[in-house]
Amino acid sequence: MKTEVLLQRLDKVRQTEKGWQACCPAHDDKAPSLSISNEDGKTLLHCHAGCSTQDVVAALGINLADLFEDNGEDKKSTRKKKQARHEGLNYEVLCLPDPENPGKYNEKKIALPYNKVMDKLIRIVKDNMATVDGIVFAIPHERGDKIDFLERPADFFGQLGIQSKSAPDWTKHLSRAMTQGEAYSRIKQHLTAYRGVESAPHCPSMRGIYYNHPELPPMDEVDEPMMDYFLNQFCPETPEDKALILALFLTSVWGGTESQRPAFVISSPDGRGSGKSSLGEMAAALLNQDPISGSTKGDMEELLKRILSPIGMTSRIVLFDNEVGRVSSGQLAGLITTRTISGKRMYHGEGRRPNNILWVITLNTPTLDSDLASRCIPVSVVRPKQTIAGWKSNVIETLDQWRWELIAMLIHMLLQPTDPIRTRTRWATWEQDVLSKIPEKYGNITDIQALIVNRQREFDDEADEIALIHDGFEGLIRHGGYDPNDAYPCFIPNSKAADVYIIATGSRARKNTALRELKNMAKEQIKELQEYRHYQYGRGFLWLSNIAVGGDENIRVIKNDLF
């Protein structure tokens, strides 16, 4: 190869007294550090940063033999001038003389320099792909079309092949300078990064969200009575409940600050057949989504994996359907008010998404702990007087036909100016930005607020729960043959204490979760209980009556079970 041909493969080439200088392709060279010269038909390379000649020629996609020019004397030499026929995404095809068939040429693929390949690939994908929390997705041709997530390099380059009708060749001799995984990782850094992907709008739009939905119709083209028709598909217990159903749908499109959305609890005095589950499902269907299903008594870590999965990232409704018994979950209470949802994402390690989730719980008899009761907006529905065959199918058909008109009406309501109101719950921002936007025809805001507060108090059974746990410890001590009001302290090992909590509350919580709740209650809510480490029996709790006296030698150890 002639030196002039080799120079064409280098960047920032300039001539010097002894030859040329250019950027070394074997390392990230900002200032030219590679010296090039020619002596007797041989190209000499020297990197002042320390790269070997072998590294430099490998980065150029050539061999050491290519540093020698053909002097025209050895007619059997195969090192004749190479002429490029065409280029692929990461290689060029050159014609080389066939040493065994004079006058004939063979095609050979030669790897292109790393920076040239990256420039090509980034130019192709920068307007067609983006990332959400590090996961690549293909931007659909039309807003509202299905989004394809490209989690693996093979998915990414498959999509690249569809878009460019070509694909890099990753055979071993062409990927010496850059592997498929390295290219994928590098390209991701050049794509527009979003915090979330949504199939329906927010009002106001949230920062860093890619909205993939059709353009909303203008209000002068919207049939406003459709909202009343839609709300009348449900059977609220009171007029205020109809307003709260509207508040549920308004909250689903509200783009307020993360962590400022209350959860909704949908209950019914009539039990099954009242449409509780359907109301939660319709909240998701309105947004053209499927709800993420979960259980307040299930594994929250597994739920987080689904919420943070590529499919889960496109849904903003989490539905805890048909919950049974008392609902108590410190983890759920924390998730409702956190700004960012984070946890383990399958195959990706840590995952994150903004907390614009609407949490919906349905149950027949609403009994919640204090934290959850204060975080939930209560809605009550009743069984319809007449069951209509195919009701759910009809509602979904209505949504499919009028979805964007209904969403346009909800956003129009959120944009209406309203006077400041006196807030009554912990959700002051939500009350002002959402609840106050409910039109007067659906109810008086003060009456709606009063209903919310009264039901939250009815749902809160924290005091009852503490009494049950207190009685459980007294029963355990008595079952062991001691008096809980005696002057001698009683030591309850952790395993026995956790059993008391689980049996008294009817919870399916793990023992470590039960112990965490008991530690929070010790001293303040159950004054006789305090954490203690016994010199012989390890960690547990000490039960101290008002007249308890004495040191470790007077402690009685409870070894029996509650029953």
Protein backbone atom coordinates (compact mmCIF):
# COMPACT_ATOMS: atom_id res chain seq x y z
CA MET A 1 0.00 0.00 0.00
CA LYS A 2 1.35 3.39 -0.90
CA THR A 3 1.82 5.84 1.93
CA GLU A 4 -0.58 8.31 0.25
CA VAL A 5 -3.35 5.69 0.33
CA LEU A 6 -2.71 4.96 4.01
CA LEU A 7 -2.86 8.69 4.85
CA GLN A 8 -6.42 8.81 3.52
CA ARG A 9 -7.46 6.54 6.41
CA LEU A 10 -6.16 8.92 9.07
CA ASP A 11 -7.57 12.08 10.65
CA LYS A 12 -5.98 15.54 10.99
CA VAL A 13 -3.13 14.74 8.62
CA ARG A 14 -0.52 17.48 8.16
CA GLN A 15 2.83 17.45 6.41
CA THR A 16 6.08 17.90 8.34
CA GLU A 17 9.74 18.18 7.38
CA LYS A 18 10.24 14.41 7.71
CA GLY A 19 6.88 13.20 6.47
CA TRP A 20 3.43 13.56 8.02
CA GLN A 21 1.70 13.70 11.36
CA ALA A 22 -1.87 12.52 12.18
CA CYS A 23 -4.14 11.31 14.97
CA CYS A 24 -3.33 7.77 16.07
CA PRO A 25 -6.32 5.46 15.41
CA ALA A 26 -5.24 3.03 18.15
CA HIS A 27 -6.16 5.35 21.02
CA ASP A 28 -8.40 8.35 21.72
CA ASP A 29 -6.07 10.90 20.20
CA LYS A 30 -7.10 14.55 20.55
CA ALA A 31 -3.81 16.06 19.26
CA PRO A 32 -1.91 14.31 16.41
CA SER A 33 0.71 12.00 17.93
CA LEU A 34 1.36 9.55 15.05
CA SER A 35 4.39 10.20 12.83
CA ILE A 36 4.38 8.75 9.30
CA SER A 37 7.29 8.60 6.88
CA ASN A 38 8.38 6.61 3.82
CA GLU A 39 11.79 5.04 3.31
CA ASP A 40 12.58 2.93 0.25
CA GLY A 41 8.95 2.02 -0.41
CA LYS A 42 8.21 1.18 3.23
CA THR A 43 5.79 3.20 5.36
CA LEU A 44 7.14 3.82 8.86
CA LEU A 45 4.73 4.48 11.74
CA HIS A 46 5.57 5.76 15.21
CA CYS A 47 3.02 6.67 17.90
CA HIS A 48 4.51 9.06 20.46
CA ALA A 49 1.85 7.98 22.97
CA GLY A 50 3.28 4.45 23.04
CA CYS A 51 0.97 2.45 20.76
CA SER A 52 2.74 -0.37 18.93
CA THR A 53 2.86 -0.50 15.13
CA GLN A 54 0.77 -3.70 15.32
CA ASP A 55 -1.95 -1.83 17.26
CA VAL A 56 -1.96 1.02 14.75
CA VAL A 57 -2.29 -1.20 11.66
CA ALA A 58 -4.98 -3.29 13.39
CA ALA A 59 -6.97 -0.12 14.10
CA LEU A 60 -6.61 0.81 10.42
CA GLY A 61 -7.91 -2.62 9.38
CA ILE A 62 -4.70 -3.59 7.50
CA ASN A 63 -1.74 -5.93 7.98
CA LEU A 64 1.93 -5.19 8.56
CA ALA A 65 2.62 -6.41 5.01
CA ASP A 66 0.49 -3.54 3.71
CA LEU A 67 3.16 -1.08 4.88
CA PHE A 68 5.34 -2.19 1.91
CA GLU A 69 4.74 -0.67 -1.53
CA ASP A 70 4.82 -2.71 -4.76
CA ASN A 71 7.99 -1.65 -6.68
CA GLY A 72 6.72 -3.16 -9.90
CA GLU A 73 9.60 -5.65 -10.15
CA ASP A 74 7.99 -8.61 -8.38
CA LYS A 75 5.08 -9.48 -10.65
CA LYS A 76 3.92 -12.20 -8.23
CA SER A 77 3.41 -9.63 -5.45
CA THR A 78 -0.16 -9.28 -4.26
CA ARG A 79 0.47 -5.87 -2.73
CA LYS A 80 -0.86 -3.83 -5.60
CA LYS A 81 -2.93 -0.70 -5.27
CA LYS A 82 -6.30 -1.42 -3.64
CA GLN A 83 -9.32 0.29 -5.10
CA ALA A 84 -12.52 0.53 -3.01
CA ARG A 85 -15.62 -0.77 -4.79
CA HIS A 86 -18.20 0.12 -2.08
CA GLU A 87 -18.58 0.54 1.67
CA GLY A 88 -20.78 -1.21 4.24
CA LEU A 89 -21.60 0.23 7.66
CA ASN A 90 -18.39 -1.00 9.24
CA TYR A 91 -16.28 -2.17 6.31
CA GLU A 92 -15.18 -1.37 2.77
CA VAL A 93 -14.90 -3.89 -0.06
CA LEU A 94 -11.58 -3.75 -1.93
CA CYS A 95 -10.36 -5.48 -5.12
CA LEU A 96 -7.10 -7.39 -4.72
CA PRO A 97 -5.16 -9.12 -7.50
CA ASP A 98 -5.50 -12.90 -7.58
CA PRO A 99 -1.88 -14.20 -7.31
CA GLU A 100 -2.78 -17.46 -9.02
CA ASN A 101 -4.83 -15.91 -11.83
CA PRO A 102 -3.06 -12.89 -13.33
CA GLY A 103 -5.47 -10.22 -14.48
CA LYS A 104 -8.22 -11.33 -12.08
CA TYR A 105 -9.19 -9.76 -8.78
CA ASN A 106 -10.76 -10.97 -5.55
CA GLU A 107 -13.00 -8.89 -3.29
CA LYS A 108 -11.97 -8.48 0.34
CA LYS A 109 -13.76 -6.78 3.23
CA ILE A 110 -11.60 -4.42 5.26
CA ALA A 111 -12.71 -2.99 8.63
CA LEU A 112 -13.30 0.77 8.64
CA PRO A 113 -11.81 2.95 11.41
CA TYR A 114 -13.82 3.09 14.63
CA ASN A 115 -14.69 6.78 14.42
CA LYS A 116 -15.93 6.48 10.85
CA VAL A 117 -18.22 3.56 11.75
CA MET A 118 -19.64 5.43 14.74
CA ASP A 119 -20.33 8.53 12.66
CA LYS A 120 -22.25 6.43 10.14
CA LEU A 121 -24.34 4.56 12.72
CA ILE A 122 -25.19 7.64 14.80
CA ARG A 123 -26.21 9.56 11.68
CA ILE A 124 -28.65 6.78 10.77
CA VAL A 125 -30.33 6.32 14.18
CA LYS A 126 -30.21 9.69 15.95
CA ASP A 127 -33.61 10.80 14.61
CA ASN A 128 -35.21 7.35 14.65
CA MET A 129 -34.32 6.02 18.10
CA ALA A 130 -34.16 7.28 21.68
CA THR A 131 -33.72 5.87 25.18
CA VAL A 132 -35.89 5.73 28.29
CA ASP A 133 -33.84 5.12 31.44
CA GLY A 134 -31.13 3.49 29.32
CA ILE A 135 -33.46 1.25 27.27
CA VAL A 136 -33.40 1.96 23.53
CA PHE A 137 -36.71 2.25 21.69
CA ALA A 138 -37.59 2.91 18.07
CA ILE A 139 -39.52 6.13 17.55
CA PRO A 140 -42.73 5.18 15.70
CA HIS A 141 -43.42 6.61 12.25
CA GLU A 142 -46.78 7.95 13.42
CA ARG A 143 -47.61 9.15 16.94
CA GLY A 144 -49.74 6.49 18.58
CA ASP A 145 -48.19 3.55 16.74
CA LYS A 146 -46.70 0.69 18.75
CA ILE A 147 -43.30 1.36 20.33
CA ASP A 148 -40.64 -1.32 19.90
CA PHE A 149 -38.11 -1.60 22.74
CA LEU A 150 -34.62 -2.72 21.69
CA GLU A 151 -33.17 -4.10 24.89
CA ARG A 152 -30.35 -6.16 23.37
CA PRO A 153 -27.69 -5.31 20.75
CA ALA A 154 -29.22 -7.92 18.42
CA ASP A 155 -32.64 -6.17 18.67
CA PHE A 156 -31.03 -2.81 18.01
CA PHE A 157 -29.05 -3.85 14.93
CA GLY A 158 -32.04 -5.78 13.60
CA GLN A 159 -34.07 -2.55 13.70
CA LEU A 160 -31.12 -0.69 12.20
CA GLY A 161 -31.11 -3.15 9.31
CA ILE A 162 -34.81 -2.48 8.67
CA GLN A 163 -34.30 1.29 8.70
CA SER A 164 -31.11 1.47 6.63
CA LYS A 165 -31.62 -1.72 4.56
CA SER A 166 -28.11 -2.66 5.63
CA ALA A 167 -26.38 -3.96 8.73
CA PRO A 168 -22.82 -4.08 10.06
CA ASP A 169 -20.83 -7.26 9.47
CA TRP A 170 -19.78 -8.58 12.88
CA THR A 171 -17.62 -11.47 11.66
CA LYS A 172 -14.50 -11.86 13.72
CA HIS A 173 -11.93 -10.29 11.42
CA LEU A 174 -14.11 -7.19 10.92
CA SER A 175 -14.88 -6.59 14.60
CA ARG A 176 -11.32 -6.38 15.84
CA ALA A 177 -11.53 -2.64 16.35
CA MET A 178 -15.14 -2.61 17.68
CA THR A 179 -17.53 -5.29 18.88
CA GLN A 180 -21.31 -5.25 18.52
CA GLY A 181 -21.76 -4.63 22.23
CA GLU A 182 -19.28 -1.73 22.25
CA ALA A 183 -21.02 -0.08 19.31
CA TYR A 184 -24.46 -0.50 20.95
CA SER A 185 -23.25 0.98 24.24
CA ARG A 186 -21.57 3.93 22.53
CA ILE A 187 -24.53 4.73 20.29
CA LYS A 188 -26.91 4.83 23.29
CA GLN A 189 -24.89 7.74 24.68
CA HIS A 190 -25.69 9.83 21.58
CA LEU A 191 -29.46 9.21 21.57
CA THR A 192 -32.03 11.54 23.13
CA ALA A 193 -32.71 10.32 26.68
CA TYR A 194 -36.22 10.41 28.15
CA ARG A 195 -37.41 9.78 31.71
CA GLY A 196 -40.59 8.02 30.61
CA VAL A 197 -42.75 6.94 27.68
CA GLU A 198 -46.50 7.60 27.73
CA SER A 199 -49.34 6.61 25.40
CA ALA A 200 -51.60 9.43 26.64
CA PRO A 201 -50.99 13.12 27.43
CA HIS A 202 -50.52 14.90 30.74
CA CYS A 203 -51.73 18.37 31.59
CA PRO A 204 -49.37 20.05 32.06
CA SER A 205 -46.86 17.96 30.12
CA MET A 206 -44.25 16.42 32.37
CA ARG A 207 -40.54 17.09 31.96
CA GLY A 208 -38.54 14.53 30.00
CA ILE A 209 -41.50 12.38 28.87
CA TYR A 210 -41.91 11.07 25.31
CA TYR A 211 -45.63 11.29 24.52
CA ASN A 212 -46.75 8.78 21.92
CA HIS A 213 -50.36 9.62 21.15
CA PRO A 214 -52.34 11.18 18.30
CA GLU A 215 -53.02 14.91 18.30
CA LEU A 216 -56.04 15.75 20.44
CA PRO A 217 -59.11 17.20 18.71
CA PRO A 218 -59.92 20.89 19.33
CA MET A 219 -62.70 21.53 21.83
CA ASP A 220 -65.02 22.99 19.18
CA GLU A 221 -65.07 19.53 17.57
CA VAL A 222 -65.76 17.67 20.82
CA ASP A 223 -69.20 16.40 21.80
CA GLU A 224 -69.23 17.55 25.44
CA PRO A 225 -72.29 15.47 26.52
CA MET A 226 -70.13 12.39 25.91
CA MET A 227 -68.47 12.97 29.30
CA ASP A 228 -71.82 12.70 31.08
CA TYR A 229 -72.67 9.61 29.05
CA PHE A 230 -69.34 8.04 30.02
CA LEU A 231 -69.68 8.83 33.75
CA ASN A 232 -73.26 7.52 33.75
CA GLN A 233 -71.93 4.06 32.85
CA PHE A 234 -70.91 3.71 36.51
CA CYS A 235 -73.15 3.57 39.60
CA PRO A 236 -71.87 5.92 42.32
CA GLU A 237 -73.36 5.56 45.80
CA THR A 238 -73.82 9.34 46.20
CA PRO A 239 -73.69 12.41 43.93
CA GLU A 240 -70.32 13.23 45.49
CA ASP A 241 -69.06 9.79 44.43
CA LYS A 242 -69.86 10.66 40.82
CA ALA A 243 -67.67 13.74 41.22
CA LEU A 244 -64.91 11.54 42.72
CA ILE A 245 -65.13 9.16 39.75
CA LEU A 246 -64.54 12.20 37.54
CA ALA A 247 -61.64 13.16 39.86
CA LEU A 248 -60.17 9.68 39.28
CA PHE A 249 -60.14 10.24 35.52
CA LEU A 250 -58.84 13.81 35.89
CA THR A 251 -55.99 12.56 38.09
CA SER A 252 -55.01 10.01 35.44
CA VAL A 253 -54.14 12.83 32.99
CA TRP A 254 -52.91 15.39 35.52
CA GLY A 255 -49.24 16.25 35.02
CA GLY A 256 -48.59 17.63 38.49
CA THR A 257 -45.40 17.13 40.45
CA GLU A 258 -44.32 13.57 41.10
CA SER A 259 -45.39 12.25 44.52
CA GLN A 260 -48.43 14.58 44.59
CA ARG A 261 -51.02 12.04 43.35
CA PRO A 262 -53.22 10.33 45.91
CA ALA A 263 -54.20 6.71 45.52
CA PHE A 264 -57.88 5.83 45.02
CA VAL A 265 -59.79 3.22 47.00
CA ILE A 266 -62.92 1.92 45.28
CA SER A 267 -65.33 0.08 47.58
CA SER A 268 -68.97 -0.95 47.61
CA PRO A 269 -71.56 -1.75 50.28
CA ASP A 270 -73.06 -4.27 47.83
CA GLY A 271 -69.96 -6.45 47.42
CA ARG A 272 -69.40 -8.20 44.11
CA GLY A 273 -71.12 -7.12 40.92
CA SER A 274 -70.97 -3.39 41.67
CA GLY A 275 -68.31 -2.54 39.09
CA LYS A 276 -65.37 -1.77 41.41
CA SER A 277 -62.84 -3.68 39.31
CA SER A 278 -64.33 -2.38 36.07
CA LEU A 279 -63.92 1.23 37.21
CA GLY A 280 -60.21 0.66 37.85
CA GLU A 281 -59.82 -1.11 34.52
CA MET A 282 -61.63 1.68 32.65
CA ALA A 283 -59.21 4.25 34.12
CA ALA A 284 -56.45 2.41 32.25
CA ALA A 285 -58.54 1.74 29.14
CA LEU A 286 -59.30 5.47 28.84
CA LEU A 287 -55.53 6.02 28.48
CA ASN A 288 -55.25 3.24 25.89
CA GLN A 289 -53.32 1.13 28.40
CA ASP A 290 -53.60 -2.08 30.37
CA PRO A 291 -53.32 -1.74 34.16
CA ILE A 292 -50.40 -3.30 35.99
CA SER A 293 -51.97 -5.75 38.43
CA GLY A 294 -50.63 -6.31 41.92
CA SER A 295 -51.51 -7.28 45.49
CA THR A 296 -50.90 -5.23 48.62
CA LYS A 297 -50.04 -8.49 50.38
CA GLY A 298 -47.73 -9.71 47.62
CA ASP A 299 -44.04 -9.22 46.97
CA MET A 300 -43.50 -5.52 46.20
CA GLU A 301 -40.08 -6.21 44.71
CA GLU A 302 -41.67 -8.40 42.05
CA LEU A 303 -44.28 -5.71 41.38
CA LEU A 304 -41.54 -3.12 40.95
CA LYS A 305 -39.83 -5.33 38.36
CA ARG A 306 -43.03 -5.27 36.27
CA ILE A 307 -43.56 -1.54 36.79
CA LEU A 308 -39.98 -0.89 35.61
CA SER A 309 -40.09 -3.33 32.68
CA PRO A 310 -40.29 -1.84 29.16
CA ILE A 311 -43.99 -2.69 28.89
CA GLY A 312 -44.68 -1.46 32.43
CA MET A 313 -42.96 1.86 31.65
CA THR A 314 -45.79 2.65 29.21
CA SER A 315 -48.56 2.19 31.81
CA ARG A 316 -49.49 4.65 34.56
CA ILE A 317 -52.25 2.68 36.33
CA VAL A 318 -51.43 0.06 39.01
CA LEU A 319 -54.50 -1.89 40.11
CA PHE A 320 -54.70 -3.84 43.39
CA ASP A 321 -57.95 -5.63 42.67
CA ASN A 322 -60.34 -7.35 45.10
CA GLU A 323 -58.14 -6.95 48.17
CA VAL A 324 -59.36 -9.00 51.12
CA GLY A 325 -59.17 -8.10 54.80
CA ARG A 326 -57.20 -5.26 56.26
CA VAL A 327 -54.88 -3.43 53.87
CA SER A 328 -51.60 -2.45 55.52
CA SER A 329 -48.44 -1.87 53.54
CA GLY A 330 -45.68 0.51 54.54
CA GLN A 331 -43.98 -0.14 51.21
CA LEU A 332 -47.08 0.86 49.22
CA ALA A 333 -47.56 3.97 51.36
CA GLY A 334 -43.96 4.93 50.58
CA LEU A 335 -44.38 4.26 46.85
CA ILE A 336 -47.42 6.55 46.64
CA THR A 337 -45.47 9.54 47.94
CA THR A 338 -42.00 8.95 46.49
CA ARG A 339 -40.86 11.18 43.61
CA THR A 340 -39.06 8.44 41.72
CA ILE A 341 -39.92 4.75 41.45
CA SER A 342 -36.72 2.72 41.63
CA GLY A 343 -35.91 -0.96 41.94
CA LYS A 344 -34.46 -3.95 40.16
CA ARG A 345 -35.17 -4.15 36.45
CA MET A 346 -34.85 -7.59 34.90
CA TYR A 347 -31.52 -8.02 33.06
CA HIS A 348 -30.62 -4.34 33.53
CA GLY A 349 -29.85 -3.91 37.23
CA GLU A 350 -31.29 -0.72 38.72
CA GLY A 351 -34.29 0.86 36.99
CA ARG A 352 -35.98 4.23 37.56
CA ARG A 353 -39.09 6.07 36.38
CA PRO A 354 -40.87 9.24 37.51
CA ASN A 355 -43.76 8.57 39.88
CA ASN A 356 -46.69 9.62 37.70
CA ILE A 357 -48.48 6.39 38.63
CA LEU A 358 -52.12 6.33 39.71
CA TRP A 359 -52.52 3.61 42.36
CA VAL A 360 -56.01 2.09 42.55
CA ILE A 361 -57.21 -0.35 45.25
CA THR A 362 -60.58 -2.14 45.09
CA LEU A 363 -62.09 -3.97 48.07
CA ASN A 364 -65.48 -4.60 49.65
CA THR A 365 -64.84 -3.58 53.26
CA PRO A 366 -62.28 -0.76 53.34
CA THR A 367 -60.03 -1.20 56.35
CA LEU A 368 -56.66 0.53 56.05
CA ASP A 369 -53.76 1.45 58.26
CA SER A 370 -53.33 5.14 59.10
CA ASP A 371 -50.65 5.81 56.48
CA LEU A 372 -52.69 4.33 53.63
CA ALA A 373 -55.99 5.83 54.78
CA SER A 374 -54.52 9.35 54.64
CA ARG A 375 -53.04 8.68 51.19
CA CYS A 376 -56.24 7.43 49.53
CA ILE A 377 -59.28 9.12 48.02
CA PRO A 378 -62.35 6.94 48.77
CA VAL A 379 -64.93 6.21 46.05
CA SER A 380 -68.03 4.09 46.65
CA VAL A 381 -70.12 2.42 43.96
CA VAL A 382 -73.27 0.32 44.19
CA ARG A 383 -74.67 -2.59 42.24
CA PRO A 384 -76.73 -1.40 39.24
CA LYS A 385 -80.48 -1.89 39.55
CA GLN A 386 -80.49 -3.65 36.20
CA THR A 387 -77.65 -5.74 34.84
CA ILE A 388 -76.93 -5.00 31.19
CA ALA A 389 -75.49 -7.87 29.14
CA GLY A 390 -72.20 -6.94 27.51
CA TRP A 391 -71.87 -3.75 29.59
CA LYS A 392 -68.08 -3.82 29.77
CA SER A 393 -67.71 -4.50 26.04
CA ASN A 394 -70.01 -1.57 25.31
CA VAL A 395 -67.97 0.79 27.52
CA ILE A 396 -64.69 -0.30 25.90
CA GLU A 397 -66.24 0.19 22.47
CA THR A 398 -67.28 3.69 23.53
CA LEU A 399 -63.76 4.42 24.74
CA ASP A 400 -62.21 3.18 21.51
CA GLN A 401 -64.48 5.54 19.58
CA TRP A 402 -64.34 8.61 21.84
CA ARG A 403 -61.05 8.17 23.75
CA TRP A 404 -59.25 11.27 22.52
CA GLU A 405 -62.36 13.44 22.73
CA LEU A 406 -62.86 12.40 26.38
CA ILE A 407 -59.20 13.08 27.20
CA ALA A 408 -59.44 16.45 25.45
CA MET A 409 -62.42 17.31 27.71
CA LEU A 410 -60.53 16.25 30.84
CA ILE A 411 -57.57 18.42 29.89
CA HIS A 412 -59.92 21.30 29.10
CA MET A 413 -61.31 21.01 32.66
CA LEU A 414 -57.81 21.01 34.19
CA LEU A 415 -56.96 24.20 32.28
CA GLN A 416 -59.93 26.15 33.65
CA PRO A 417 -59.01 28.93 36.11
CA THR A 418 -60.44 28.47 39.61
CA ASP A 419 -60.27 30.40 42.87
CA PRO A 420 -58.07 29.04 45.68
CA ILE A 421 -59.89 26.59 47.94
CA ARG A 422 -59.38 25.64 51.57
CA THR A 423 -57.63 22.27 51.43
CA ARG A 424 -58.65 19.50 53.81
CA THR A 425 -56.24 16.61 53.18
CA ARG A 426 -52.50 16.02 52.87
CA TRP A 427 -52.94 16.43 49.08
CA ALA A 428 -53.20 20.22 48.98
CA THR A 429 -51.72 20.56 45.48
CA TRP A 430 -54.04 17.87 44.11
CA GLU A 431 -57.08 19.48 45.74
CA GLN A 432 -56.26 22.83 44.15
CA ASP A 433 -55.17 21.59 40.72
CA VAL A 434 -57.61 18.71 40.23
CA LEU A 435 -60.48 18.59 42.72
CA SER A 436 -61.29 22.28 42.37
CA LYS A 437 -61.63 21.84 38.59
CA ILE A 438 -64.71 19.61 38.90
CA PRO A 439 -67.63 21.54 37.36
CA GLU A 440 -70.32 22.67 39.81
CA LYS A 441 -72.96 20.50 38.16
CA TYR A 442 -71.20 17.44 39.60
CA GLY A 443 -71.31 18.66 43.20
CA ASN A 444 -70.17 21.18 45.77
CA ILE A 445 -66.41 21.04 46.43
CA THR A 446 -66.84 21.53 50.19
CA ASP A 447 -69.27 18.60 50.38
CA ILE A 448 -66.88 16.44 48.34
CA GLN A 449 -63.98 17.33 50.65
CA ALA A 450 -66.08 16.53 53.73
CA LEU A 451 -66.96 13.10 52.30
CA ILE A 452 -63.29 12.36 51.63
CA VAL A 453 -62.20 13.29 55.16
CA ASN A 454 -65.03 11.39 56.87
CA ARG A 455 -64.38 8.22 54.88
CA GLN A 456 -60.64 8.42 55.50
CA ARG A 457 -61.39 8.43 59.23
CA GLU A 458 -63.76 5.48 58.84
CA PHE A 459 -61.17 3.51 56.89
CA ASP A 460 -58.40 4.10 59.45
CA ASP A 461 -58.34 1.22 61.90
CA GLU A 462 -54.87 1.88 63.30
CA ALA A 463 -56.18 2.22 66.85
CA ASP A 464 -58.10 -1.04 66.53
CA GLU A 465 -55.01 -2.75 65.18
CA ILE A 466 -52.80 -1.56 68.00
CA ALA A 467 -55.37 -2.79 70.52
CA LEU A 468 -55.43 -6.20 68.83
CA ILE A 469 -51.63 -6.46 68.95
CA HIS A 470 -51.59 -5.29 72.58
CA ASP A 471 -54.15 -7.96 73.49
CA GLY A 472 -52.13 -10.50 71.52
CA PHE A 473 -49.03 -9.91 73.66
CA GLU A 474 -51.06 -10.11 76.86
CA GLY A 475 -52.60 -13.38 75.66
CA LEU A 476 -49.16 -14.79 74.83
CA ILE A 477 -47.87 -13.95 78.31
CA ARG A 478 -50.93 -15.40 80.04
CA HIS A 479 -50.70 -18.54 77.89
CA GLY A 480 -47.17 -18.93 79.25
CA GLY A 481 -48.47 -18.92 82.80
CA TYR A 482 -47.57 -15.34 83.72
CA ASP A 483 -49.50 -12.16 84.49
CA PRO A 484 -48.79 -9.29 82.02
CA ASN A 485 -49.49 -6.83 84.85
CA ASP A 486 -46.98 -8.49 87.18
CA ALA A 487 -43.93 -6.76 88.57
CA TYR A 488 -41.58 -9.05 86.65
CA PRO A 489 -40.59 -8.17 83.06
CA CYS A 490 -41.30 -10.73 80.32
CA PHE A 491 -38.95 -11.32 77.38
CA ILE A 492 -40.54 -12.31 74.04
CA PRO A 493 -38.08 -13.54 71.36
CA ASN A 494 -38.37 -11.98 67.89
CA SER A 495 -39.92 -15.08 66.33
CA LYS A 496 -42.74 -15.16 68.94
CA ALA A 497 -43.30 -11.39 68.69
CA ALA A 498 -43.62 -11.59 64.89
CA ASP A 499 -46.20 -14.36 65.26
CA VAL A 500 -48.27 -12.15 67.56
CA TYR A 501 -48.31 -9.35 64.98
CA ILE A 502 -49.20 -11.64 62.06
CA ILE A 503 -51.99 -13.45 63.95
CA ALA A 504 -53.45 -10.29 65.50
CA THR A 505 -53.55 -8.33 62.24
CA GLY A 506 -54.39 -11.21 59.90
CA SER A 507 -51.45 -10.10 57.76
CA ARG A 508 -49.45 -12.32 55.43
CA ALA A 509 -46.39 -10.19 56.04
CA ARG A 510 -42.98 -11.79 56.37
CA LYS A 511 -41.58 -11.96 59.87
CA ASN A 512 -38.94 -9.31 59.19
CA THR A 513 -41.70 -6.94 58.01
CA ALA A 514 -43.76 -7.70 61.11
CA LEU A 515 -40.76 -6.99 63.35
CA ARG A 516 -40.14 -3.70 61.59
CA GLU A 517 -43.73 -2.64 62.27
CA LEU A 518 -43.46 -3.71 65.92
CA LYS A 519 -40.28 -1.68 66.39
CA ASN A 520 -42.16 1.38 65.13
CA MET A 521 -44.97 0.72 67.65
CA ALA A 522 -42.72 -0.04 70.64
CA LYS A 523 -42.82 2.53 73.46
CA GLU A 524 -44.92 5.12 71.61
CA GLN A 525 -48.02 3.17 70.57
CA ILE A 526 -47.63 0.12 72.83
CA LYS A 527 -46.01 1.65 75.89
CA GLU A 528 -45.31 -1.70 77.63
CA LEU A 529 -43.19 -2.91 74.71
CA GLN A 530 -39.54 -2.11 74.07
CA GLU A 531 -36.73 -3.62 72.04
CA TYR A 532 -34.35 -5.76 74.07
CA ARG A 533 -31.38 -8.09 73.62
CA HIS A 534 -31.30 -10.99 76.05
CA TYR A 535 -27.87 -12.28 77.07
CA GLN A 536 -28.97 -15.88 76.38
CA TYR A 537 -31.96 -15.78 73.99
CA GLY A 538 -30.86 -13.00 71.65
CA ARG A 539 -33.00 -10.22 70.16
CA GLY A 540 -36.61 -9.66 71.04
CA PHE A 541 -38.96 -7.43 73.01
CA LEU A 542 -39.38 -6.78 76.71
CA TRP A 543 -42.88 -6.44 78.17
CA LEU A 544 -42.81 -4.06 81.12
CA SER A 545 -45.93 -3.41 83.20
CA ASN A 546 -46.35 -0.14 85.06
CA ILE A 547 -44.96 -1.77 88.21
CA ALA A 548 -42.21 -3.86 86.64
CA VAL A 549 -38.95 -3.92 88.65
CA GLY A 550 -35.70 -5.84 88.72
CA GLY A 551 -32.79 -6.61 86.46
CA ASP A 552 -31.98 -9.42 84.03
CA GLU A 553 -32.18 -12.01 86.77
CA ASN A 554 -35.91 -11.28 87.19
CA ILE A 555 -36.83 -11.50 83.49
CA ARG A 556 -39.18 -14.31 82.55
CA VAL A 557 -38.72 -15.74 79.07
CA ILE A 558 -41.81 -16.55 77.02
CA LYS A 559 -41.15 -19.74 75.05
CA ASN A 560 -44.68 -20.84 74.25
CA ASP A 561 -46.77 -20.01 71.18
CA LEU A 562 -49.84 -17.76 71.27
CA PHE A 563 -52.17 -20.77 70.84
